[in-house]
Protein backbone atom coordinates (compact mmCIF):
# COMPACT_ATOMS: atom_id res chain seq x y z
CA MET A 1 -69.48 15.68 -0.50
CA ALA A 2 -72.53 16.33 -2.63
CA ASP A 3 -75.74 16.07 -1.01
CA LYS A 4 -76.47 13.40 -3.61
CA GLU A 5 -73.76 11.90 -3.29
CA ILE A 6 -74.11 10.97 0.07
CA GLU A 7 -78.08 9.76 -0.63
CA ASP A 8 -76.69 7.33 -3.21
CA ASN A 9 -74.58 5.61 -0.67
CA LYS A 10 -77.06 5.11 1.49
CA GLU A 11 -79.07 3.20 -0.59
CA ARG A 12 -75.73 1.14 -1.43
CA LYS A 13 -76.26 -2.26 1.14
CA MET A 14 -74.28 -5.19 1.83
CA GLN A 15 -74.72 -7.58 -1.45
CA VAL A 16 -73.10 -10.75 -0.28
CA LEU A 17 -72.22 -12.68 3.08
CA VAL A 18 -69.20 -15.20 2.78
CA MET A 19 -70.17 -17.57 5.75
CA GLY A 20 -67.48 -20.20 4.80
CA LEU A 21 -64.53 -20.55 7.59
CA GLY A 22 -61.88 -18.95 7.51
CA ARG A 23 -58.63 -21.11 5.42
CA CYS A 24 -60.81 -21.94 3.09
CA GLY A 25 -59.79 -19.16 -0.02
CA THR A 26 -61.66 -16.40 1.71
CA THR A 27 -58.61 -14.20 1.19
CA SER A 28 -58.80 -14.91 -2.26
CA LEU A 29 -62.75 -14.95 -2.67
CA ALA A 30 -62.20 -11.15 -1.07
CA ALA A 31 -59.42 -9.94 -3.96
CA ALA A 32 -62.05 -11.54 -6.39
CA LEU A 33 -65.12 -8.99 -4.98
CA LYS A 34 -63.31 -6.07 -5.52
CA ILE A 35 -62.65 -7.07 -8.91
CA LEU A 36 -65.99 -7.68 -9.42
CA GLY A 37 -66.50 -5.05 -8.33
CA TYR A 38 -67.85 -5.58 -4.47
CA ARG A 39 -66.73 -3.98 -1.28
CA PRO A 40 -65.83 -5.97 1.05
CA ASN A 41 -64.75 -6.31 4.51
CA ASP A 42 -62.45 -8.86 5.44
CA TRP A 43 -61.01 -9.71 8.97
CA VAL A 44 -58.01 -8.09 8.46
CA ASP A 45 -60.34 -4.69 7.42
CA ARG A 46 -62.13 -5.32 11.29
CA PHE A 47 -58.60 -5.31 13.12
CA TYR A 48 -57.35 -2.05 11.62
CA LEU A 49 -60.83 0.07 11.97
CA ASP A 50 -61.29 -1.14 15.68
CA GLN A 51 -64.07 -3.18 15.33
CA ASP A 52 -62.92 -6.99 16.43
CA ARG A 53 -64.07 -5.34 20.42
CA ARG A 54 -67.45 -4.55 18.71
CA TRP A 55 -67.64 -8.20 17.19
CA THR A 56 -66.36 -10.38 19.91
CA ASP A 57 -68.98 -8.18 22.45
CA GLN A 58 -72.19 -9.71 20.15
CA LEU A 59 -70.12 -12.82 20.63
CA ARG A 60 -70.50 -12.59 24.35
CA ALA A 61 -74.13 -11.33 24.02
CA LYS A 62 -75.45 -13.96 21.53
CA TYR A 63 -73.36 -17.46 23.67
CA TYR A 64 -73.85 -15.87 26.77
CA GLY A 65 -76.20 -13.46 27.04
CA GLN A 66 -73.77 -11.05 27.97
CA GLY A 67 -75.31 -7.66 26.93
CA GLN A 68 -77.49 -6.39 24.31
CA LYS A 69 -77.79 -8.69 20.91
CA TRP A 70 -78.08 -7.15 18.05
CA GLU A 71 -80.47 -7.04 15.63
CA GLY A 72 -81.72 -5.43 11.91
CA ALA A 73 -80.02 -2.69 11.67
CA ASP A 74 -77.82 -2.49 14.21
CA PHE A 75 -75.53 -4.63 11.92
CA ASP A 76 -75.12 -1.01 10.33
CA LYS A 77 -73.15 0.03 13.08
CA VAL A 78 -70.16 -3.15 11.63
CA THR A 79 -71.15 -2.78 8.01
CA GLN A 80 -72.60 0.63 7.14
CA GLY A 81 -71.29 3.05 9.44
CA PHE A 82 -68.43 4.46 7.34
CA ASP A 83 -67.80 7.83 5.94
CA VAL A 84 -65.15 9.54 3.92
CA SER A 85 -64.47 13.27 5.77
CA ALA A 86 -63.97 15.59 3.23
CA ASN A 87 -61.56 17.72 5.58
CA GLN A 88 -59.53 14.70 6.91
CA ASN A 89 -57.31 13.01 5.81
CA HIS A 90 -57.95 9.52 6.36
CA TYR A 91 -61.07 6.86 7.36
CA ARG A 92 -63.26 7.62 9.44
CA TYR A 93 -65.92 5.47 11.34
CA GLU A 94 -68.66 6.90 13.14
CA GLY A 95 -67.16 10.41 13.33
CA LYS A 96 -64.27 9.12 14.95
CA PRO A 97 -60.71 9.02 13.24
CA ALA A 98 -59.27 5.58 12.72
CA ASP A 99 -55.84 5.55 13.74
CA PRO A 100 -54.24 7.41 10.58
CA THR A 101 -50.91 6.76 11.17
CA CYS A 102 -51.80 3.22 10.28
CA PRO A 103 -50.54 1.68 6.11
CA ARG A 104 -54.05 -0.10 6.29
CA VAL A 105 -56.26 2.85 6.83
CA ARG A 106 -54.78 5.38 4.02
CA LEU A 107 -55.72 2.39 1.93
CA LEU A 108 -59.57 2.62 2.84
CA LYS A 109 -59.30 6.29 3.01
CA ALA A 110 -60.11 5.96 -1.19
CA HIS A 111 -62.65 3.93 -0.28
CA PRO A 112 -66.24 4.36 -1.05
CA ARG A 113 -68.03 4.09 2.31
CA HIS A 114 -70.56 1.34 2.23
CA ILE A 115 -69.96 -2.03 2.91
CA GLN A 116 -70.60 -5.20 0.59
CA ALA A 117 -69.29 -7.96 1.16
CA ILE A 118 -68.57 -9.67 4.60
CA LEU A 119 -66.37 -12.26 4.84
CA ASP A 120 -64.03 -14.62 7.62
CA ARG A 121 -64.18 -14.62 11.29
CA PRO A 122 -66.50 -14.03 13.61
CA CYS A 123 -69.06 -12.44 11.18
CA ASN A 124 -69.66 -16.44 9.72
CA LEU A 125 -71.33 -16.82 13.32
CA PHE A 126 -73.66 -14.79 12.27
CA THR A 127 -75.16 -16.39 9.28
CA GLU A 128 -78.64 -15.84 10.45
CA GLU A 129 -78.44 -12.30 12.05
CA LEU A 130 -77.11 -11.23 8.82
CA LEU A 131 -79.43 -12.43 6.74
CA ALA A 132 -82.15 -10.93 8.87
CA ALA A 133 -80.11 -8.06 8.33
CA TYR A 134 -79.63 -7.74 4.45
CA PRO A 135 -81.86 -10.16 2.77
CA SER A 136 -81.06 -9.26 -0.20
CA ALA A 137 -78.05 -10.53 0.26
CA ARG A 138 -76.42 -13.56 -1.59
CA VAL A 139 -74.86 -16.36 0.51
CA ILE A 140 -71.29 -17.86 0.27
CA LEU A 141 -70.61 -20.92 1.67
CA ASN A 142 -67.05 -21.22 0.67
CA THR A 143 -65.72 -24.73 1.57
CA ARG A 144 -62.60 -27.48 1.41
CA PRO A 145 -61.92 -30.95 2.37
CA PHE A 146 -61.30 -30.67 6.13
CA GLU A 147 -58.06 -32.55 6.30
CA SER A 148 -56.58 -30.06 4.41
CA TRP A 149 -58.58 -27.18 6.40
CA HIS A 150 -57.66 -28.73 9.59
CA LYS A 151 -54.10 -28.56 8.58
CA SER A 152 -53.70 -24.88 7.33
CA MET A 153 -55.27 -24.15 10.16
CA LEU A 154 -53.00 -25.11 12.48
CA SER A 155 -49.90 -23.81 10.51
CA THR A 156 -51.36 -20.57 10.61
CA VAL A 157 -54.43 -19.29 12.52
CA TRP A 158 -53.59 -22.03 15.21
CA LYS A 159 -50.14 -21.39 15.52
CA TYR A 160 -50.21 -17.35 16.11
CA GLN A 161 -52.69 -17.84 18.64
CA ALA A 162 -50.16 -19.62 20.51
CA TRP A 163 -47.29 -16.90 20.76
CA PRO A 164 -47.18 -16.03 24.02
CA THR A 165 -46.31 -12.78 23.52
CA TYR A 166 -49.50 -12.19 21.50
CA CYS A 167 -51.66 -13.20 24.54
CA LEU A 168 -49.52 -10.60 26.20
CA LEU A 169 -50.82 -7.61 24.55
CA GLN A 170 -54.68 -8.18 25.37
CA TYR A 171 -52.97 -5.73 28.04
CA THR A 172 -50.74 -3.06 26.42
CA ASP A 173 -52.52 -3.26 23.41
CA PRO A 174 -56.58 -3.70 23.63
CA ARG A 175 -57.48 -1.91 21.56
CA TYR A 176 -56.21 -3.66 18.34
CA ALA A 177 -54.22 -6.52 18.57
CA GLY A 178 -54.89 -7.32 21.96
CA ALA A 179 -58.36 -7.00 20.61
CA HIS A 180 -58.01 -8.86 17.78
CA TYR A 181 -56.36 -12.02 20.35
CA THR A 182 -59.29 -12.08 22.43
CA GLY A 183 -62.00 -12.19 20.32
CA GLY A 184 -59.93 -15.23 18.65
CA ARG A 185 -59.70 -17.33 21.64
CA LEU A 186 -63.34 -16.42 22.91
CA TYR A 187 -64.21 -17.37 18.69
CA TRP A 188 -62.36 -21.20 18.84
CA GLY A 189 -63.13 -21.37 22.29
CA LEU A 190 -66.58 -21.35 20.97
CA PHE A 191 -65.84 -23.86 17.92
CA CYS A 192 -63.24 -26.62 19.44
CA ASP A 193 -63.41 -25.39 22.90
CA ASN A 194 -59.69 -23.84 21.78
CA LYS A 195 -58.24 -27.59 21.58
CA PRO A 196 -56.84 -27.07 17.61
CA THR A 197 -55.15 -30.53 18.14
CA ASP A 198 -58.54 -32.69 19.32
CA VAL A 199 -59.55 -33.81 15.25
CA GLU A 200 -62.24 -35.42 15.63
CA ARG A 201 -63.96 -31.84 18.21
CA CYS A 202 -62.47 -30.12 15.03
CA ARG A 203 -63.91 -32.16 12.77
CA LYS A 204 -67.62 -31.99 13.73
CA ALA A 205 -67.44 -28.48 14.42
CA PHE A 206 -66.14 -28.19 11.03
CA GLU A 207 -68.74 -30.50 9.55
CA ASP A 208 -72.08 -29.04 12.14
CA HIS A 209 -70.88 -24.69 10.68
CA ASN A 210 -71.43 -25.86 7.69
CA ALA A 211 -74.44 -27.81 8.25
CA HIS A 212 -75.61 -24.98 9.58
CA VAL A 213 -75.38 -22.55 7.08
CA ARG A 214 -77.30 -24.39 4.95
CA ALA A 215 -79.98 -25.52 6.80
CA VAL A 216 -80.55 -21.73 6.89
CA VAL A 217 -79.91 -20.47 3.79
CA PRO A 218 -82.09 -20.49 1.47
CA LYS A 219 -81.47 -22.12 -1.65
CA ASP A 220 -81.63 -20.31 -4.03
CA ARG A 221 -79.53 -17.70 -2.54
CA LEU A 222 -76.67 -20.27 -1.60
CA LEU A 223 -73.68 -20.91 -3.46
CA GLU A 224 -71.31 -23.98 -2.12
CA TYR A 225 -68.21 -22.89 -3.57
CA PRO A 226 -65.02 -25.38 -3.23
CA LEU A 227 -61.92 -24.27 -2.77
CA GLY A 228 -60.06 -23.51 -6.09
CA ALA A 229 -63.32 -23.41 -8.37
CA GLY A 230 -62.20 -20.15 -10.12
CA TRP A 231 -64.46 -17.46 -11.65
CA GLU A 232 -66.83 -19.02 -13.54
CA PRO A 233 -69.48 -20.87 -10.37
CA LEU A 234 -69.16 -17.39 -8.88
CA CYS A 235 -70.03 -15.32 -11.42
CA GLU A 236 -72.75 -16.91 -12.80
CA PHE A 237 -74.31 -16.80 -8.70
CA LEU A 238 -73.21 -13.58 -8.78
CA GLY A 239 -74.75 -12.19 -11.92
CA LYS A 240 -71.32 -11.16 -13.32
CA SER A 241 -69.57 -10.97 -16.77
CA VAL A 242 -66.26 -13.47 -16.36
CA PRO A 243 -63.43 -11.18 -15.81
CA GLN A 244 -61.25 -11.61 -18.81
CA GLU A 245 -57.62 -11.60 -18.83
CA THR A 246 -58.30 -11.48 -15.43
CA GLU A 247 -57.05 -14.76 -13.48
CA PHE A 248 -58.84 -15.45 -10.26
CA PRO A 249 -56.64 -14.24 -6.98
CA HIS A 250 -54.97 -16.70 -5.25
CA ILE A 251 -53.42 -15.21 -1.94
CA ASN A 252 -52.90 -15.60 1.75
CA ASP A 253 -50.72 -19.01 1.56
CA ARG A 254 -49.23 -19.76 4.71
CA ASN A 255 -45.91 -17.93 4.79
CA THR A 256 -48.36 -14.78 3.11
CA TYR A 257 -50.83 -15.50 6.54
CA LEU A 258 -47.64 -15.44 8.83
CA GLU A 259 -46.27 -12.49 7.28
CA LEU A 260 -48.97 -10.11 7.93
CA VAL A 261 -49.72 -11.56 11.30
CA THR A 262 -46.01 -10.56 12.00
CA LYS A 263 -46.65 -7.19 10.47
CA LEU A 264 -50.30 -6.91 12.55
CA TRP A 265 -48.06 -8.41 16.01
CA TRP A 266 -44.97 -5.65 15.74
CA TYR A 267 -48.58 -2.76 15.23
CA GLY A 268 -49.72 -4.10 18.51
CA LEU A 269 -46.04 -3.94 19.75
CA GLN A 270 -45.46 -0.50 18.47
CA GLN A 271 -49.51 0.46 20.10
CA SER A 272 -48.14 -0.57 22.86
CA CYS A 273 -45.17 1.57 23.71
CA VAL A 274 -47.49 4.43 23.07
CA ASN A 275 -49.55 2.61 25.26
CA ALA A 276 -46.69 2.93 27.76
CA ILE A 277 -45.67 6.57 26.60
CA LYS A 278 -48.96 8.00 27.89
CA ILE A 279 -48.79 6.11 31.23
CA LEU A 280 -45.34 6.61 32.17
CA GLY A 281 -44.49 9.89 30.57
CA PRO A 282 -47.05 11.86 33.23
CA LEU A 283 -45.30 9.69 36.30
CA ALA A 284 -41.77 10.78 34.84
CA LEU A 285 -42.06 14.31 34.34
CA GLY A 286 -44.08 13.59 38.17
CA ALA A 287 -41.16 12.40 39.36
CA VAL A 288 -38.77 14.94 38.34
CA ALA A 289 -41.23 17.20 39.53
CA VAL A 290 -41.32 16.51 42.86
CA GLY A 291 -37.86 15.67 42.77
CA TRP A 292 -36.81 18.95 41.65
CA MET A 293 -39.38 20.90 44.62
CA TYR A 294 -37.51 18.99 47.11
CA TYR A 295 -33.98 19.31 46.39
CA LYS A 296 -34.70 23.24 45.77
């Protein structure tokens, strides 16, 4: 890669912070931002790029005082630290290769280096910090009525978080599925004490989150974006032309979401098997060697 191209990429900073809650059209917004020319980082990207543990550590640092909190350029560790090695055929993160067998990594390897938009949990609990780190970024508060949001959450995110086998993956696959599960439990514990059926508790947390974003973001940098608002308000806010003959994406409905997390579950199960082989394989070989020497 030419030196000039590297320098040009260093100038590409975060441009859009989508601070609304999940199940408020975040995946559709991510797809729309891609169409508009941005490079978004959504929750599934963070899963496969092994970033969940870093963000979970920051939740603990911010809310429990455990560890050092990121400030300013520290956020570049998870937003601007990417590179595509000219000598390797897979995506790299801070010089360390991500798992090249992962289909998402194979897809991401073609992306340029710097994230330009960030969405969904747990990043949306860091509105003030991200604003301080990226003072020129615009902020989108994606919203929907509480009742439909809560119903959607119960049938998707909170449903798979309750899978007993997903819970087990935190021990057998701590790097990927386990990190995602652990981060989710911590995030929703902070949000609603992991009590999704407590409607009033969830309602208050939902309204408090949106009110907080409105309070800390300057009005001239904030777009309140209701679910289903389409291209016009988004493009006007970002200074982009409305895509012609391109419908606004509507993706990640309940069934699609559950299919996706099932794939993540299978990926975690595969990693669990790999981890088991790494541990049990040498033990088995050692046992065979001892047995051979004993009976020799």
